[in-house]
């Protein structure tokens, strides 16, 4: 698990708030979250937001892929 805490924005409304804080090893990484029968993808947006008095880089939703059968 990475050490940089990031905030995930956008994507499906079914994504739990608890899953919107994620860790990455590098800000160039993409985040892939399993959701239902697929994955939600997030990438760095270049923005940041304050959450619980911490300035977190924002990773915005950039698409969804289905799990291969």
C-alpha atoms as a PDB file:
ATOM      1  CA  UNK A   1       0.000   0.000   0.000  1.00  0.00           C
ATOM      2  CA  UNK A   2       1.268   3.480  -0.856  1.00  0.00           C
ATOM      3  CA  UNK A   3       1.930   6.265   1.567  1.00  0.00           C
ATOM      4  CA  UNK A   4       0.258   9.216  -0.147  1.00  0.00           C
ATOM      5  CA  UNK A   5      -3.349   9.726   0.937  1.00  0.00           C
ATOM      6  CA  UNK A   6      -5.645  10.964  -1.855  1.00  0.00           C
ATOM      7  CA  UNK A   7      -9.320  11.871  -2.245  1.00  0.00           C
ATOM      8  CA  UNK A   8     -11.355  10.132  -4.966  1.00  0.00           C
ATOM      9  CA  UNK A   9     -14.059  12.271  -6.583  1.00  0.00           C
ATOM     10  CA  UNK A  10     -16.770  11.532  -9.121  1.00  0.00           C
ATOM     11  CA  UNK A  11     -17.747   8.078 -10.231  1.00  0.00           C
ATOM     12  CA  UNK A  12     -20.847   6.183  -9.199  1.00  0.00           C
ATOM     13  CA  UNK A  13     -22.920   7.425  -6.271  1.00  0.00           C
ATOM     14  CA  UNK A  14     -22.786   3.883  -4.863  1.00  0.00           C
ATOM     15  CA  UNK A  15     -19.083   4.299  -4.030  1.00  0.00           C
ATOM     16  CA  UNK A  16     -18.982   4.545  -0.234  1.00  0.00           C
ATOM     17  CA  UNK A  17     -17.578   7.675   1.398  1.00  0.00           C
ATOM     18  CA  UNK A  18     -15.141   5.444   3.324  1.00  0.00           C
ATOM     19  CA  UNK A  19     -13.705   4.267  -0.029  1.00  0.00           C
ATOM     20  CA  UNK A  20     -13.095   7.825  -1.241  1.00  0.00           C
ATOM     21  CA  UNK A  21      -9.906   8.162   0.812  1.00  0.00           C
ATOM     22  CA  UNK A  22      -7.258   5.994  -0.789  1.00  0.00           C
ATOM     23  CA  UNK A  23      -3.476   5.569  -0.661  1.00  0.00           C
ATOM     24  CA  UNK A  24      -1.064   5.580  -3.607  1.00  0.00           C
ATOM     25  CA  UNK A  25       2.695   5.118  -3.848  1.00  0.00           C
ATOM     26  CA  UNK A  26       3.067   7.860  -6.468  1.00  0.00           C
ATOM     27  CA  UNK A  27       0.797  10.669  -7.692  1.00  0.00           C
ATOM     28  CA  UNK A  28       1.348   9.383 -11.233  1.00  0.00           C
ATOM     29  CA  UNK A  29      -0.368   6.113 -10.316  1.00  0.00           C
ATOM     30  CA  UNK A  30      -3.968   5.429 -11.278  1.00  0.00           C
ATOM     31  CA  UNK A  31      -6.436   4.023  -8.754  1.00  0.00           C
ATOM     32  CA  UNK A  32      -8.640   1.035  -9.630  1.00  0.00           C
ATOM     33  CA  UNK A  33     -11.498   0.239  -7.212  1.00  0.00           C
ATOM     34  CA  UNK A  34     -13.580  -2.948  -7.572  1.00  0.00           C
ATOM     35  CA  UNK A  35     -17.282  -2.065  -7.803  1.00  0.00           C
ATOM     36  CA  UNK A  36     -20.008  -4.511  -8.709  1.00  0.00           C
ATOM     37  CA  UNK A  37     -19.077  -6.323 -11.918  1.00  0.00           C
ATOM     38  CA  UNK A  38     -16.246  -3.965 -12.814  1.00  0.00           C
ATOM     39  CA  UNK A  39     -13.675  -1.438 -11.726  1.00  0.00           C
ATOM     40  CA  UNK A  40     -13.904   2.324 -11.282  1.00  0.00           C
ATOM     41  CA  UNK A  41     -10.749   4.169 -12.387  1.00  0.00           C
ATOM     42  CA  UNK A  42      -9.398   7.441 -10.994  1.00  0.00           C
ATOM     43  CA  UNK A  43      -6.382   9.576 -11.933  1.00  0.00           C
ATOM     44  CA  UNK A  44      -4.718  12.682 -10.514  1.00  0.00           C
ATOM     45  CA  UNK A  45      -6.560  15.879 -11.411  1.00  0.00           C
ATOM     46  CA  UNK A  46      -3.907  18.368 -10.303  1.00  0.00           C
ATOM     47  CA  UNK A  47      -6.296  19.771  -7.687  1.00  0.00           C
ATOM     48  CA  UNK A  48      -6.347  19.344  -3.922  1.00  0.00           C
ATOM     49  CA  UNK A  49      -8.998  19.598  -1.193  1.00  0.00           C
ATOM     50  CA  UNK A  50      -8.909  19.871   2.564  1.00  0.00           C
ATOM     51  CA  UNK A  51     -10.319  16.842   4.384  1.00  0.00           C
ATOM     52  CA  UNK A  52     -10.075  16.588   8.185  1.00  0.00           C
ATOM     53  CA  UNK A  53      -7.514  19.444   8.204  1.00  0.00           C
ATOM     54  CA  UNK A  54      -5.293  17.635   5.670  1.00  0.00           C
ATOM     55  CA  UNK A  55      -4.651  18.910   2.146  1.00  0.00           C
ATOM     56  CA  UNK A  56      -5.234  15.873  -0.105  1.00  0.00           C
ATOM     57  CA  UNK A  57      -4.520  15.513  -3.819  1.00  0.00           C
ATOM     58  CA  UNK A  58      -7.724  14.878  -5.766  1.00  0.00           C
ATOM     59  CA  UNK A  59      -8.039  11.871  -8.054  1.00  0.00           C
ATOM     60  CA  UNK A  60     -11.010  12.302 -10.383  1.00  0.00           C
ATOM     61  CA  UNK A  61     -13.062   9.479 -11.852  1.00  0.00           C
ATOM     62  CA  UNK A  62     -11.913   8.762 -15.412  1.00  0.00           C
ATOM     63  CA  UNK A  63     -13.862   5.659 -16.402  1.00  0.00           C
ATOM     64  CA  UNK A  64     -15.109   2.164 -15.701  1.00  0.00           C
ATOM     65  CA  UNK A  65     -14.111  -1.231 -17.023  1.00  0.00           C
ATOM     66  CA  UNK A  66     -15.931  -4.551 -16.687  1.00  0.00           C
ATOM     67  CA  UNK A  67     -14.363  -7.643 -15.173  1.00  0.00           C
ATOM     68  CA  UNK A  68     -13.399 -10.124 -17.885  1.00  0.00           C
ATOM     69  CA  UNK A  69     -15.317 -13.371 -17.795  1.00  0.00           C
END
